[in-house]
Amino acid sequence: MRDEKCKICRREGIKLFLKGQRCLTAKCPMVKRPYPPGQKRKRRKGPPSEYGKELSEKQKLKFLYNLSERQFKNYIHKTLKRRGKTEDLADFLIQTLESRLDNVVFRLGFTLSRPQARQLVSHNFFLVNKKPMNLPSYQVKIGEVISVKSQKLKKNILKNIENLIKKYKPPTWLELNVEKLEGKVVGKPTLEQVAPPVEISAIFEFYSR
């Protein structure tokens, strides 16, 4: 599974941080082999077609947020239905993706990657407003508090969580309480703050074909 996730980054030509802390080390395959898997020469092909570019941007954002094709497509269609509204479509899409519970858990520093956050949320490691929540897609709202279940702190996967978040600074739209191992949503994420490494307009074009 590790190699498969690393191949995604190599294929798309960008670090998507699918393996958490390993992506920040010299062991990252994007450092050792920064070219597509299966390509013998360390040189990329010519520029892709317009369709190829749109497909690549779509894949990057989908993998970045650890979503299935069906999930991602639903988010895009929901966003495109808001054409004509006052808010920017790209901003709305990013706010929706960033507000997923698994992403919020990741942004609070409780896990090293979004895939890990999704796994822990699915296994009932977290509470939302002191109530169990095991839906990674749950849209966390302003004012809601996300906390770690006390009984789950004995699990090996969380044994270093206090050291992990001790000096961690979450994005400005989140507030982290290290002592209580909880975080609160205090604002809305913006496209400018998140700055995803993709061209979102190309993704909308892809699904508008």
N, C-alpha and C. Protein backbone atom coordinates (compact mmCIF):
# COMPACT_ATOMS: atom_id res chain seq x y z
N MET A 1 0.83 -1.21 0.00
CA MET A 1 0.00 0.00 0.00
C MET A 1 0.87 1.25 0.00
N ARG A 2 1.99 1.20 0.73
CA ARG A 2 2.88 2.35 0.77
C ARG A 2 3.37 2.70 -0.62
N ASP A 3 3.84 1.66 -1.37
CA ASP A 3 4.36 1.91 -2.72
C ASP A 3 3.28 2.44 -3.64
N GLU A 4 2.05 1.93 -3.50
CA GLU A 4 0.96 2.37 -4.36
C GLU A 4 0.67 3.85 -4.14
N LYS A 5 0.65 4.29 -2.89
CA LYS A 5 0.38 5.69 -2.59
C LYS A 5 1.51 6.58 -3.09
N CYS A 6 2.74 6.08 -2.98
CA CYS A 6 3.88 6.86 -3.47
C CYS A 6 3.86 6.97 -4.99
N LYS A 7 3.36 5.94 -5.64
CA LYS A 7 3.27 5.96 -7.10
C LYS A 7 2.28 7.02 -7.58
N ILE A 8 1.25 7.28 -6.76
CA ILE A 8 0.27 8.32 -7.11
C ILE A 8 0.97 9.67 -7.22
N CYS A 9 1.79 9.99 -6.21
CA CYS A 9 2.51 11.27 -6.23
C CYS A 9 3.47 11.34 -7.41
N ARG A 10 4.18 10.25 -7.67
CA ARG A 10 5.15 10.24 -8.78
C ARG A 10 4.42 10.39 -10.12
N ARG A 11 3.27 9.74 -10.23
CA ARG A 11 2.51 9.82 -11.48
C ARG A 11 1.98 11.23 -11.73
N GLU A 12 1.53 11.89 -10.65
CA GLU A 12 0.98 13.24 -10.79
C GLU A 12 2.06 14.32 -10.76
N GLY A 13 3.28 13.93 -10.38
CA GLY A 13 4.39 14.89 -10.40
C GLY A 13 4.37 15.90 -9.29
N ILE A 14 3.74 15.54 -8.15
CA ILE A 14 3.65 16.48 -7.03
C ILE A 14 3.46 15.72 -5.72
N LYS A 15 4.02 16.25 -4.64
CA LYS A 15 3.85 15.63 -3.34
C LYS A 15 2.44 15.87 -2.83
N LEU A 16 1.72 14.79 -2.54
CA LEU A 16 0.36 14.91 -2.03
C LEU A 16 0.30 14.53 -0.55
N PHE A 17 1.46 14.21 0.03
CA PHE A 17 1.58 13.91 1.46
C PHE A 17 0.60 12.83 1.92
N LEU A 18 0.59 11.74 1.16
CA LEU A 18 -0.31 10.63 1.47
C LEU A 18 0.26 9.70 2.53
N LYS A 19 1.56 9.84 2.83
CA LYS A 19 2.19 8.99 3.83
C LYS A 19 2.65 9.77 5.06
N GLY A 20 2.10 10.96 5.25
CA GLY A 20 2.38 11.73 6.44
C GLY A 20 3.84 12.13 6.59
N GLN A 21 4.42 11.83 7.73
CA GLN A 21 5.76 12.28 8.07
C GLN A 21 6.81 11.73 7.11
N ARG A 22 6.60 10.57 6.57
CA ARG A 22 7.57 9.97 5.64
C ARG A 22 7.77 10.86 4.41
N CYS A 23 6.73 11.60 4.05
CA CYS A 23 6.81 12.48 2.88
C CYS A 23 7.78 13.64 3.11
N LEU A 24 8.11 13.90 4.36
CA LEU A 24 9.00 15.02 4.70
C LEU A 24 10.45 14.59 4.84
N THR A 25 10.71 13.29 4.63
CA THR A 25 12.06 12.77 4.79
C THR A 25 12.72 12.49 3.44
N ALA A 26 13.99 12.16 3.51
CA ALA A 26 14.74 11.83 2.29
C ALA A 26 14.33 10.48 1.73
N LYS A 27 13.53 9.72 2.50
CA LYS A 27 13.07 8.42 2.02
C LYS A 27 11.90 8.54 1.06
N CYS A 28 11.35 9.71 0.95
CA CYS A 28 10.20 9.93 0.06
C CYS A 28 10.61 9.61 -1.38
N PRO A 29 9.87 8.72 -2.07
CA PRO A 29 10.18 8.38 -3.46
C PRO A 29 10.17 9.58 -4.41
N MET A 30 9.46 10.65 -4.05
CA MET A 30 9.46 11.85 -4.89
C MET A 30 10.82 12.54 -4.85
N VAL A 31 11.61 12.24 -3.82
CA VAL A 31 12.97 12.77 -3.72
C VAL A 31 13.92 11.86 -4.49
N LYS A 32 13.73 10.55 -4.30
CA LYS A 32 14.62 9.59 -4.93
C LYS A 32 14.32 9.39 -6.42
N ARG A 33 13.03 9.35 -6.76
CA ARG A 33 12.64 9.07 -8.15
C ARG A 33 11.54 10.05 -8.58
N PRO A 34 11.88 11.30 -8.80
CA PRO A 34 10.87 12.32 -9.16
C PRO A 34 10.42 12.24 -10.62
N TYR A 35 10.01 11.06 -11.03
CA TYR A 35 9.51 10.85 -12.39
C TYR A 35 8.47 9.75 -12.34
N PRO A 36 7.58 9.65 -13.32
CA PRO A 36 6.47 8.69 -13.28
C PRO A 36 6.95 7.25 -13.14
N PRO A 37 6.21 6.42 -12.39
CA PRO A 37 6.58 5.01 -12.23
C PRO A 37 6.55 4.29 -13.58
N GLY A 38 7.51 3.42 -13.79
CA GLY A 38 7.57 2.67 -15.04
C GLY A 38 8.31 3.38 -16.14
N GLN A 39 8.67 4.64 -15.92
CA GLN A 39 9.38 5.41 -16.93
C GLN A 39 10.88 5.19 -16.74
N LYS A 40 11.54 4.67 -17.74
CA LYS A 40 12.95 4.30 -17.61
C LYS A 40 13.86 5.51 -17.51
N ARG A 41 13.61 6.48 -18.35
CA ARG A 41 14.44 7.68 -18.31
C ARG A 41 13.84 8.71 -17.37
N LYS A 42 14.66 9.43 -16.65
CA LYS A 42 14.20 10.42 -15.69
C LYS A 42 13.83 11.73 -16.40
N ARG A 43 12.93 11.60 -17.32
CA ARG A 43 12.51 12.77 -18.08
C ARG A 43 11.03 12.62 -18.41
N ARG A 44 10.32 13.68 -18.22
CA ARG A 44 8.88 13.64 -18.47
C ARG A 44 8.57 13.83 -19.95
N LYS A 45 7.40 13.37 -20.30
CA LYS A 45 6.94 13.51 -21.68
C LYS A 45 6.59 14.96 -21.97
N GLY A 46 6.18 15.23 -23.19
CA GLY A 46 5.82 16.59 -23.57
C GLY A 46 4.58 17.05 -22.83
N PRO A 47 4.19 18.32 -23.02
CA PRO A 47 3.02 18.86 -22.31
C PRO A 47 1.76 18.07 -22.65
N PRO A 48 0.90 17.84 -21.65
CA PRO A 48 -0.33 17.07 -21.89
C PRO A 48 -1.36 17.87 -22.66
N SER A 49 -2.36 17.18 -23.17
CA SER A 49 -3.46 17.85 -23.86
C SER A 49 -4.29 18.60 -22.82
N GLU A 50 -5.22 19.41 -23.27
CA GLU A 50 -6.08 20.15 -22.35
C GLU A 50 -6.87 19.17 -21.47
N TYR A 51 -7.36 18.11 -22.10
CA TYR A 51 -8.09 17.09 -21.34
C TYR A 51 -7.17 16.41 -20.33
N GLY A 52 -5.95 16.11 -20.76
CA GLY A 52 -4.99 15.47 -19.88
C GLY A 52 -4.66 16.34 -18.69
N LYS A 53 -4.55 17.64 -18.92
CA LYS A 53 -4.26 18.58 -17.82
C LYS A 53 -5.43 18.62 -16.84
N GLU A 54 -6.64 18.69 -17.36
CA GLU A 54 -7.83 18.74 -16.50
C GLU A 54 -7.94 17.45 -15.68
N LEU A 55 -7.68 16.32 -16.32
CA LEU A 55 -7.73 15.04 -15.63
C LEU A 55 -6.69 14.98 -14.51
N SER A 56 -5.51 15.47 -14.80
CA SER A 56 -4.43 15.45 -13.81
C SER A 56 -4.78 16.32 -12.60
N GLU A 57 -5.35 17.52 -12.84
CA GLU A 57 -5.71 18.40 -11.74
C GLU A 57 -6.80 17.77 -10.87
N LYS A 58 -7.74 17.11 -11.55
CA LYS A 58 -8.81 16.43 -10.82
C LYS A 58 -8.26 15.32 -9.94
N GLN A 59 -7.35 14.54 -10.48
CA GLN A 59 -6.76 13.44 -9.73
C GLN A 59 -5.96 13.95 -8.52
N LYS A 60 -5.24 15.04 -8.71
CA LYS A 60 -4.44 15.59 -7.61
C LYS A 60 -5.32 15.96 -6.42
N LEU A 61 -6.40 16.70 -6.69
CA LEU A 61 -7.25 17.16 -5.58
C LEU A 61 -7.99 15.98 -4.95
N LYS A 62 -8.42 15.04 -5.77
CA LYS A 62 -9.13 13.86 -5.26
C LYS A 62 -8.23 13.06 -4.32
N PHE A 63 -7.00 12.82 -4.74
CA PHE A 63 -6.07 12.04 -3.92
C PHE A 63 -5.61 12.83 -2.70
N LEU A 64 -5.49 14.15 -2.87
CA LEU A 64 -5.06 14.99 -1.75
C LEU A 64 -6.00 14.84 -0.56
N TYR A 65 -7.32 14.79 -0.85
CA TYR A 65 -8.31 14.67 0.22
C TYR A 65 -8.75 13.22 0.46
N ASN A 66 -8.04 12.29 -0.18
CA ASN A 66 -8.28 10.86 0.06
C ASN A 66 -9.74 10.47 -0.21
N LEU A 67 -10.23 10.85 -1.39
CA LEU A 67 -11.62 10.58 -1.74
C LEU A 67 -11.72 9.58 -2.88
N SER A 68 -12.84 8.87 -2.91
CA SER A 68 -13.12 7.98 -4.04
C SER A 68 -13.61 8.84 -5.20
N GLU A 69 -13.63 8.27 -6.38
CA GLU A 69 -14.11 9.01 -7.55
C GLU A 69 -15.56 9.46 -7.36
N ARG A 70 -16.37 8.58 -6.83
CA ARG A 70 -17.79 8.90 -6.63
C ARG A 70 -17.97 10.04 -5.64
N GLN A 71 -17.24 9.99 -4.52
CA GLN A 71 -17.33 11.05 -3.52
C GLN A 71 -16.91 12.39 -4.12
N PHE A 72 -15.77 12.38 -4.80
CA PHE A 72 -15.25 13.62 -5.35
C PHE A 72 -16.20 14.20 -6.40
N LYS A 73 -16.72 13.35 -7.24
CA LYS A 73 -17.66 13.78 -8.28
C LYS A 73 -18.90 14.42 -7.66
N ASN A 74 -19.39 13.85 -6.57
CA ASN A 74 -20.56 14.42 -5.89
C ASN A 74 -20.27 15.82 -5.35
N TYR A 75 -19.07 16.00 -4.79
CA TYR A 75 -18.68 17.32 -4.28
C TYR A 75 -18.62 18.34 -5.42
N ILE A 76 -18.08 17.93 -6.54
CA ILE A 76 -17.97 18.85 -7.68
C ILE A 76 -19.35 19.23 -8.20
N HIS A 77 -20.21 18.24 -8.38
CA HIS A 77 -21.55 18.52 -8.90
C HIS A 77 -22.35 19.40 -7.93
N LYS A 78 -22.18 19.16 -6.63
CA LYS A 78 -22.85 20.00 -5.63
C LYS A 78 -22.36 21.44 -5.76
N THR A 79 -21.07 21.60 -6.01
CA THR A 79 -20.49 22.93 -6.15
C THR A 79 -20.99 23.62 -7.43
N LEU A 80 -20.98 22.89 -8.53
CA LEU A 80 -21.38 23.48 -9.82
C LEU A 80 -22.85 23.90 -9.82
N LYS A 81 -23.67 23.27 -9.00
CA LYS A 81 -25.07 23.65 -8.91
C LYS A 81 -25.25 25.04 -8.30
N ARG A 82 -24.19 25.55 -7.68
CA ARG A 82 -24.26 26.85 -7.02
C ARG A 82 -23.83 27.99 -7.94
N ARG A 83 -23.70 27.71 -9.22
CA ARG A 83 -23.36 28.77 -10.17
C ARG A 83 -24.42 29.86 -10.11
N GLY A 84 -23.97 31.09 -10.05
CA GLY A 84 -24.90 32.21 -9.95
C GLY A 84 -25.04 32.72 -8.54
N LYS A 85 -24.56 31.93 -7.57
CA LYS A 85 -24.59 32.39 -6.18
C LYS A 85 -23.48 33.43 -5.97
N THR A 86 -23.50 34.09 -4.82
CA THR A 86 -22.53 35.15 -4.57
C THR A 86 -21.13 34.63 -4.28
N GLU A 87 -21.01 33.46 -3.63
CA GLU A 87 -19.68 32.98 -3.25
C GLU A 87 -18.94 32.38 -4.44
N ASP A 88 -17.64 32.44 -4.39
CA ASP A 88 -16.80 31.87 -5.42
C ASP A 88 -16.89 30.35 -5.37
N LEU A 89 -17.00 29.70 -6.52
CA LEU A 89 -17.16 28.25 -6.55
C LEU A 89 -15.94 27.53 -5.98
N ALA A 90 -14.76 28.01 -6.31
CA ALA A 90 -13.54 27.38 -5.80
C ALA A 90 -13.48 27.48 -4.28
N ASP A 91 -13.86 28.64 -3.74
CA ASP A 91 -13.88 28.82 -2.29
C ASP A 91 -14.86 27.85 -1.64
N PHE A 92 -16.04 27.72 -2.24
CA PHE A 92 -17.08 26.83 -1.70
C PHE A 92 -16.59 25.39 -1.70
N LEU A 93 -15.95 24.96 -2.78
CA LEU A 93 -15.46 23.59 -2.87
C LEU A 93 -14.42 23.31 -1.80
N ILE A 94 -13.46 24.23 -1.65
CA ILE A 94 -12.40 24.03 -0.66
C ILE A 94 -12.96 24.06 0.76
N GLN A 95 -13.92 24.95 1.03
CA GLN A 95 -14.54 24.99 2.35
C GLN A 95 -15.23 23.66 2.66
N THR A 96 -15.89 23.10 1.66
CA THR A 96 -16.60 21.83 1.85
C THR A 96 -15.62 20.69 2.13
N LEU A 97 -14.54 20.63 1.35
CA LEU A 97 -13.55 19.57 1.53
C LEU A 97 -12.80 19.71 2.85
N GLU A 98 -12.45 20.95 3.19
CA GLU A 98 -11.71 21.19 4.42
C GLU A 98 -12.57 20.94 5.67
N SER A 99 -13.88 21.07 5.53
CA SER A 99 -14.78 20.90 6.68
C SER A 99 -15.13 19.45 6.95
N ARG A 100 -14.67 18.53 6.12
CA ARG A 100 -14.87 17.11 6.42
C ARG A 100 -14.20 16.78 7.76
N LEU A 101 -14.83 15.93 8.54
CA LEU A 101 -14.30 15.60 9.86
C LEU A 101 -12.90 15.00 9.76
N ASP A 102 -12.67 14.10 8.80
CA ASP A 102 -11.34 13.50 8.70
C ASP A 102 -10.28 14.55 8.39
N ASN A 103 -10.62 15.53 7.57
CA ASN A 103 -9.66 16.58 7.26
C ASN A 103 -9.41 17.48 8.47
N VAL A 104 -10.46 17.79 9.23
CA VAL A 104 -10.31 18.63 10.42
C VAL A 104 -9.42 17.93 11.44
N VAL A 105 -9.61 16.63 11.61
CA VAL A 105 -8.76 15.85 12.52
C VAL A 105 -7.30 15.95 12.08
N PHE A 106 -7.08 15.84 10.78
CA PHE A 106 -5.72 15.96 10.23
C PHE A 106 -5.17 17.36 10.43
N ARG A 107 -5.97 18.38 10.16
CA ARG A 107 -5.54 19.77 10.30
C ARG A 107 -5.24 20.15 11.75
N LEU A 108 -5.88 19.48 12.68
CA LEU A 108 -5.62 19.75 14.10
C LEU A 108 -4.33 19.09 14.57
N GLY A 109 -3.73 18.27 13.71
CA GLY A 109 -2.47 17.63 14.05
C GLY A 109 -2.61 16.32 14.79
N PHE A 110 -3.85 15.80 14.89
CA PHE A 110 -4.07 14.56 15.62
C PHE A 110 -3.55 13.34 14.86
N THR A 111 -3.39 13.46 13.54
CA THR A 111 -2.85 12.37 12.72
C THR A 111 -1.82 12.94 11.76
N LEU A 112 -1.03 12.05 11.17
CA LEU A 112 0.04 12.47 10.26
C LEU A 112 -0.41 12.57 8.81
N SER A 113 -1.59 12.02 8.52
CA SER A 113 -2.07 12.06 7.13
C SER A 113 -3.60 11.98 7.12
N ARG A 114 -4.20 12.35 6.01
CA ARG A 114 -5.65 12.26 5.88
C ARG A 114 -6.12 10.80 5.84
N PRO A 115 -5.41 9.90 5.15
CA PRO A 115 -5.83 8.49 5.20
C PRO A 115 -5.87 7.94 6.62
N GLN A 116 -4.89 8.31 7.44
CA GLN A 116 -4.88 7.86 8.83
C GLN A 116 -6.04 8.48 9.60
N ALA A 117 -6.32 9.75 9.33
CA ALA A 117 -7.43 10.43 10.00
C ALA A 117 -8.76 9.75 9.65
N ARG A 118 -8.91 9.40 8.40
CA ARG A 118 -10.14 8.73 7.97
C ARG A 118 -10.30 7.39 8.68
N GLN A 119 -9.22 6.67 8.80
CA GLN A 119 -9.25 5.37 9.47
C GLN A 119 -9.66 5.51 10.93
N LEU A 120 -9.07 6.48 11.62
CA LEU A 120 -9.36 6.64 13.05
C LEU A 120 -10.78 7.15 13.28
N VAL A 121 -11.23 8.06 12.42
CA VAL A 121 -12.61 8.54 12.55
C VAL A 121 -13.59 7.37 12.36
N SER A 122 -13.33 6.54 11.36
CA SER A 122 -14.20 5.39 11.08
C SER A 122 -14.23 4.40 12.23
N HIS A 123 -13.14 4.36 13.01
CA HIS A 123 -13.06 3.44 14.14
C HIS A 123 -13.42 4.11 15.48
N ASN A 124 -14.17 5.18 15.39
CA ASN A 124 -14.73 5.84 16.59
C ASN A 124 -13.68 6.35 17.58
N PHE A 125 -12.65 7.01 17.06
CA PHE A 125 -11.62 7.57 17.94
C PHE A 125 -11.96 8.98 18.40
N PHE A 126 -12.96 9.61 17.77
CA PHE A 126 -13.20 11.02 18.06
C PHE A 126 -14.66 11.33 18.43
N LEU A 127 -14.80 12.45 19.13
CA LEU A 127 -16.12 12.96 19.51
C LEU A 127 -16.32 14.33 18.86
N VAL A 128 -17.55 14.63 18.51
CA VAL A 128 -17.91 15.97 18.05
C VAL A 128 -18.94 16.50 19.02
N ASN A 129 -18.58 17.58 19.72
CA ASN A 129 -19.45 18.11 20.78
C ASN A 129 -19.79 17.02 21.80
N LYS A 130 -18.76 16.22 22.14
CA LYS A 130 -18.85 15.17 23.16
C LYS A 130 -19.73 13.99 22.75
N LYS A 131 -20.08 13.92 21.48
CA LYS A 131 -20.88 12.80 20.99
C LYS A 131 -20.06 12.01 19.96
N PRO A 132 -20.12 10.68 20.00
CA PRO A 132 -19.36 9.86 19.05
C PRO A 132 -19.74 10.18 17.61
N MET A 133 -18.74 10.25 16.76
CA MET A 133 -18.99 10.50 15.34
C MET A 133 -17.97 9.68 14.53
N ASN A 134 -18.47 8.76 13.71
CA ASN A 134 -17.58 7.91 12.94
C ASN A 134 -17.75 8.07 11.43
N LEU A 135 -18.28 9.23 11.02
CA LEU A 135 -18.45 9.51 9.59
C LEU A 135 -17.36 10.48 9.13
N PRO A 136 -16.38 10.02 8.38
CA PRO A 136 -15.30 10.90 7.90
C PRO A 136 -15.82 12.09 7.09
N SER A 137 -16.96 11.91 6.42
CA SER A 137 -17.50 12.97 5.56
C SER A 137 -18.33 14.00 6.32
N TYR A 138 -18.53 13.79 7.61
CA TYR A 138 -19.35 14.73 8.40
C TYR A 138 -18.80 16.14 8.26
N GLN A 139 -19.70 17.09 7.97
CA GLN A 139 -19.30 18.49 7.80
C GLN A 139 -19.29 19.20 9.15
N VAL A 140 -18.08 19.48 9.63
CA VAL A 140 -17.93 20.14 10.93
C VAL A 140 -18.27 21.62 10.79
N LYS A 141 -19.06 22.13 11.71
CA LYS A 141 -19.53 23.51 11.64
C LYS A 141 -18.79 24.41 12.63
N ILE A 142 -18.88 25.71 12.36
CA ILE A 142 -18.25 26.68 13.26
C ILE A 142 -18.84 26.52 14.68
N GLY A 143 -17.97 26.47 15.67
CA GLY A 143 -18.39 26.33 17.05
C GLY A 143 -18.34 24.91 17.56
N GLU A 144 -18.23 23.94 16.67
CA GLU A 144 -18.20 22.54 17.10
C GLU A 144 -16.81 22.16 17.59
N VAL A 145 -16.78 21.29 18.58
CA VAL A 145 -15.53 20.88 19.22
C VAL A 145 -15.24 19.41 18.91
N ILE A 146 -14.03 19.15 18.45
CA ILE A 146 -13.60 17.79 18.13
C ILE A 146 -12.59 17.35 19.19
N SER A 147 -12.85 16.22 19.81
CA SER A 147 -11.95 15.74 20.87
C SER A 147 -11.64 14.26 20.69
N VAL A 148 -10.53 13.86 21.29
CA VAL A 148 -10.11 12.46 21.24
C VAL A 148 -10.80 11.70 22.37
N LYS A 149 -11.35 10.53 22.07
CA LYS A 149 -11.95 9.71 23.11
C LYS A 149 -10.87 9.30 24.11
N SER A 150 -11.11 9.52 25.38
CA SER A 150 -10.10 9.23 26.40
C SER A 150 -9.68 7.76 26.41
N GLN A 151 -10.63 6.86 26.17
CA GLN A 151 -10.30 5.44 26.21
C GLN A 151 -9.45 5.01 25.01
N LYS A 152 -9.40 5.83 23.98
CA LYS A 152 -8.61 5.49 22.79
C LYS A 152 -7.16 5.92 22.93
N LEU A 153 -6.86 6.71 23.95
CA LEU A 153 -5.49 7.20 24.13
C LEU A 153 -4.52 6.07 24.48
N LYS A 154 -5.04 4.93 24.89
CA LYS A 154 -4.20 3.79 25.24
C LYS A 154 -3.73 3.04 23.98
N LYS A 155 -4.36 3.32 22.86
CA LYS A 155 -4.00 2.64 21.62
C LYS A 155 -2.61 3.11 21.15
N ASN A 156 -1.86 2.18 20.60
CA ASN A 156 -0.50 2.48 20.14
C ASN A 156 -0.46 3.61 19.12
N ILE A 157 -1.47 3.67 18.27
CA ILE A 157 -1.47 4.66 17.20
C ILE A 157 -1.55 6.09 17.73
N LEU A 158 -2.00 6.24 18.98
CA LEU A 158 -2.12 7.58 19.58
C LEU A 158 -1.13 7.80 20.73
N LYS A 159 -0.20 6.89 20.92
CA LYS A 159 0.68 6.99 22.08
C LYS A 159 1.57 8.23 22.06
N ASN A 160 1.83 8.78 20.88
CA ASN A 160 2.69 9.96 20.79
C ASN A 160 1.92 11.23 20.43
N ILE A 161 0.60 11.19 20.59
CA ILE A 161 -0.22 12.32 20.12
C ILE A 161 0.11 13.62 20.86
N GLU A 162 0.42 13.55 22.16
CA GLU A 162 0.72 14.77 22.92
C GLU A 162 2.01 15.42 22.43
N ASN A 163 3.01 14.60 22.14
CA ASN A 163 4.26 15.14 21.60
C ASN A 163 4.05 15.65 20.18
N LEU A 164 3.14 14.99 19.46
CA LEU A 164 2.88 15.35 18.07
C LEU A 164 2.30 16.76 17.95
N ILE A 165 1.41 17.11 18.87
CA ILE A 165 0.72 18.40 18.77
C ILE A 165 1.28 19.47 19.70
N LYS A 166 2.29 19.11 20.49
CA LYS A 166 2.83 20.03 21.49
C LYS A 166 3.24 21.38 20.90
N LYS A 167 3.93 21.34 19.77
CA LYS A 167 4.39 22.58 19.12
C LYS A 167 3.69 22.81 17.78
N TYR A 168 2.62 22.09 17.58
CA TYR A 168 1.92 22.19 16.30
C TYR A 168 1.00 23.41 16.27
N LYS A 169 0.99 24.09 15.15
CA LYS A 169 0.11 25.25 14.97
C LYS A 169 -0.90 24.96 13.85
N PRO A 170 -2.17 24.82 14.20
CA PRO A 170 -3.19 24.55 13.19
C PRO A 170 -3.49 25.80 12.37
N PRO A 171 -4.19 25.67 11.26
CA PRO A 171 -4.59 26.85 10.49
C PRO A 171 -5.46 27.78 11.32
N THR A 172 -5.54 29.03 10.92
CA THR A 172 -6.21 30.05 11.74
C THR A 172 -7.70 29.80 11.95
N TRP A 173 -8.32 29.00 11.12
CA TRP A 173 -9.76 28.75 11.28
C TRP A 173 -10.04 27.64 12.31
N LEU A 174 -8.95 27.11 12.89
CA LEU A 174 -9.09 26.09 13.92
C LEU A 174 -8.36 26.53 15.18
N GLU A 175 -8.88 26.10 16.33
CA GLU A 175 -8.28 26.42 17.61
C GLU A 175 -7.95 25.11 18.32
N LEU A 176 -6.71 24.95 18.74
CA LEU A 176 -6.26 23.69 19.35
C LEU A 176 -5.97 23.85 20.83
N ASN A 177 -6.55 22.97 21.64
CA ASN A 177 -6.27 22.93 23.07
C ASN A 177 -5.44 21.67 23.34
N VAL A 178 -4.15 21.86 23.50
CA VAL A 178 -3.23 20.73 23.65
C VAL A 178 -3.52 19.95 24.92
N GLU A 179 -3.78 20.64 26.03
CA GLU A 179 -4.01 19.97 27.31
C GLU A 179 -5.25 19.07 27.27
N LYS A 180 -6.31 19.55 26.64
CA LYS A 180 -7.56 18.78 26.59
C LYS A 180 -7.63 17.84 25.39
N LEU A 181 -6.63 17.93 24.50
CA LEU A 181 -6.63 17.13 23.26
C LEU A 181 -7.94 17.33 22.50
N GLU A 182 -8.26 18.59 22.29
CA GLU A 182 -9.46 18.91 21.53
C GLU A 182 -9.24 20.15 20.68
N GLY A 183 -10.04 20.26 19.65
CA GLY A 183 -9.94 21.41 18.76
C GLY A 183 -11.32 21.97 18.47
N LYS A 184 -11.36 23.23 18.11
CA LYS A 184 -12.63 23.89 17.85
C LYS A 184 -12.56 24.63 16.52
N VAL A 185 -13.65 24.56 15.77
CA VAL A 185 -13.73 25.30 14.51
C VAL A 185 -14.18 26.71 14.83
N VAL A 186 -13.34 27.69 14.51
CA VAL A 186 -13.63 29.08 14.87
C VAL A 186 -13.83 29.97 13.64
N GLY A 187 -13.77 29.40 12.46
CA GLY A 187 -13.95 30.19 11.25
C GLY A 187 -14.10 29.29 10.04
N LYS A 188 -14.09 29.91 8.87
CA LYS A 188 -14.20 29.16 7.63
C LYS A 188 -12.86 29.20 6.88
N PRO A 189 -12.42 28.05 6.37
CA PRO A 189 -11.18 28.04 5.59
C PRO A 189 -11.41 28.74 4.25
N THR A 190 -10.42 29.43 3.76
CA THR A 190 -10.54 30.09 2.46
C THR A 190 -9.57 29.45 1.47
N LEU A 191 -9.84 29.65 0.22
CA LEU A 191 -8.98 29.12 -0.84
C LEU A 191 -7.57 29.68 -0.69
N GLU A 192 -7.47 30.94 -0.34
CA GLU A 192 -6.17 31.58 -0.17
C GLU A 192 -5.38 30.95 0.97
N GLN A 193 -6.05 30.62 2.06
CA GLN A 193 -5.39 30.00 3.21
C GLN A 193 -4.91 28.59 2.89
N VAL A 194 -5.76 27.83 2.27
CA VAL A 194 -5.46 26.42 1.99
C VAL A 194 -4.43 26.29 0.86
N ALA A 195 -4.60 27.12 -0.17
CA ALA A 195 -3.68 27.13 -1.31
C ALA A 195 -3.39 25.73 -1.84
N PRO A 196 -4.40 24.97 -2.28
CA PRO A 196 -4.15 23.62 -2.80
C PRO A 196 -3.29 23.69 -4.06
N PRO A 197 -2.40 22.73 -4.26
CA PRO A 197 -1.48 22.76 -5.40
C PRO A 197 -2.14 22.31 -6.70
N VAL A 198 -3.30 22.85 -6.99
CA VAL A 198 -4.05 22.47 -8.19
C VAL A 198 -4.71 23.69 -8.82
N GLU A 199 -5.10 23.54 -10.06
CA GLU A 199 -5.85 24.59 -10.76
C GLU A 199 -7.31 24.17 -10.75
N ILE A 200 -8.08 24.71 -9.82
CA ILE A 200 -9.45 24.25 -9.61
C ILE A 200 -10.36 24.53 -10.81
N SER A 201 -10.11 25.61 -11.52
CA SER A 201 -10.93 25.91 -12.69
C SER A 201 -10.84 24.79 -13.72
N ALA A 202 -9.69 24.15 -13.83
CA ALA A 202 -9.51 23.04 -14.77
C ALA A 202 -10.36 21.84 -14.35
N ILE A 203 -10.54 21.67 -13.04
CA ILE A 203 -11.36 20.57 -12.53
C ILE A 203 -12.82 20.80 -12.89
N PHE A 204 -13.28 22.03 -12.74
CA PHE A 204 -14.66 22.36 -13.11
C PHE A 204 -14.87 22.14 -14.61
N GLU A 205 -13.88 22.49 -15.41
CA GLU A 205 -13.97 22.27 -16.86
C GLU A 205 -14.08 20.78 -17.17
N PHE A 206 -13.32 19.98 -16.45
CA PHE A 206 -13.34 18.54 -16.68
C PHE A 206 -14.74 17.96 -16.49
N TYR A 207 -15.41 18.38 -15.40
CA TYR A 207 -16.74 17.84 -15.10
C TYR A 207 -17.84 18.56 -15.85
N SER A 208 -17.51 19.61 -16.56
CA SER A 208 -18.53 20.33 -17.32
C SER A 208 -18.57 19.87 -18.78
N ARG A 209 -17.72 18.95 -19.14
CA ARG A 209 -17.67 18.45 -20.53
C ARG A 209 -18.95 17.70 -20.88
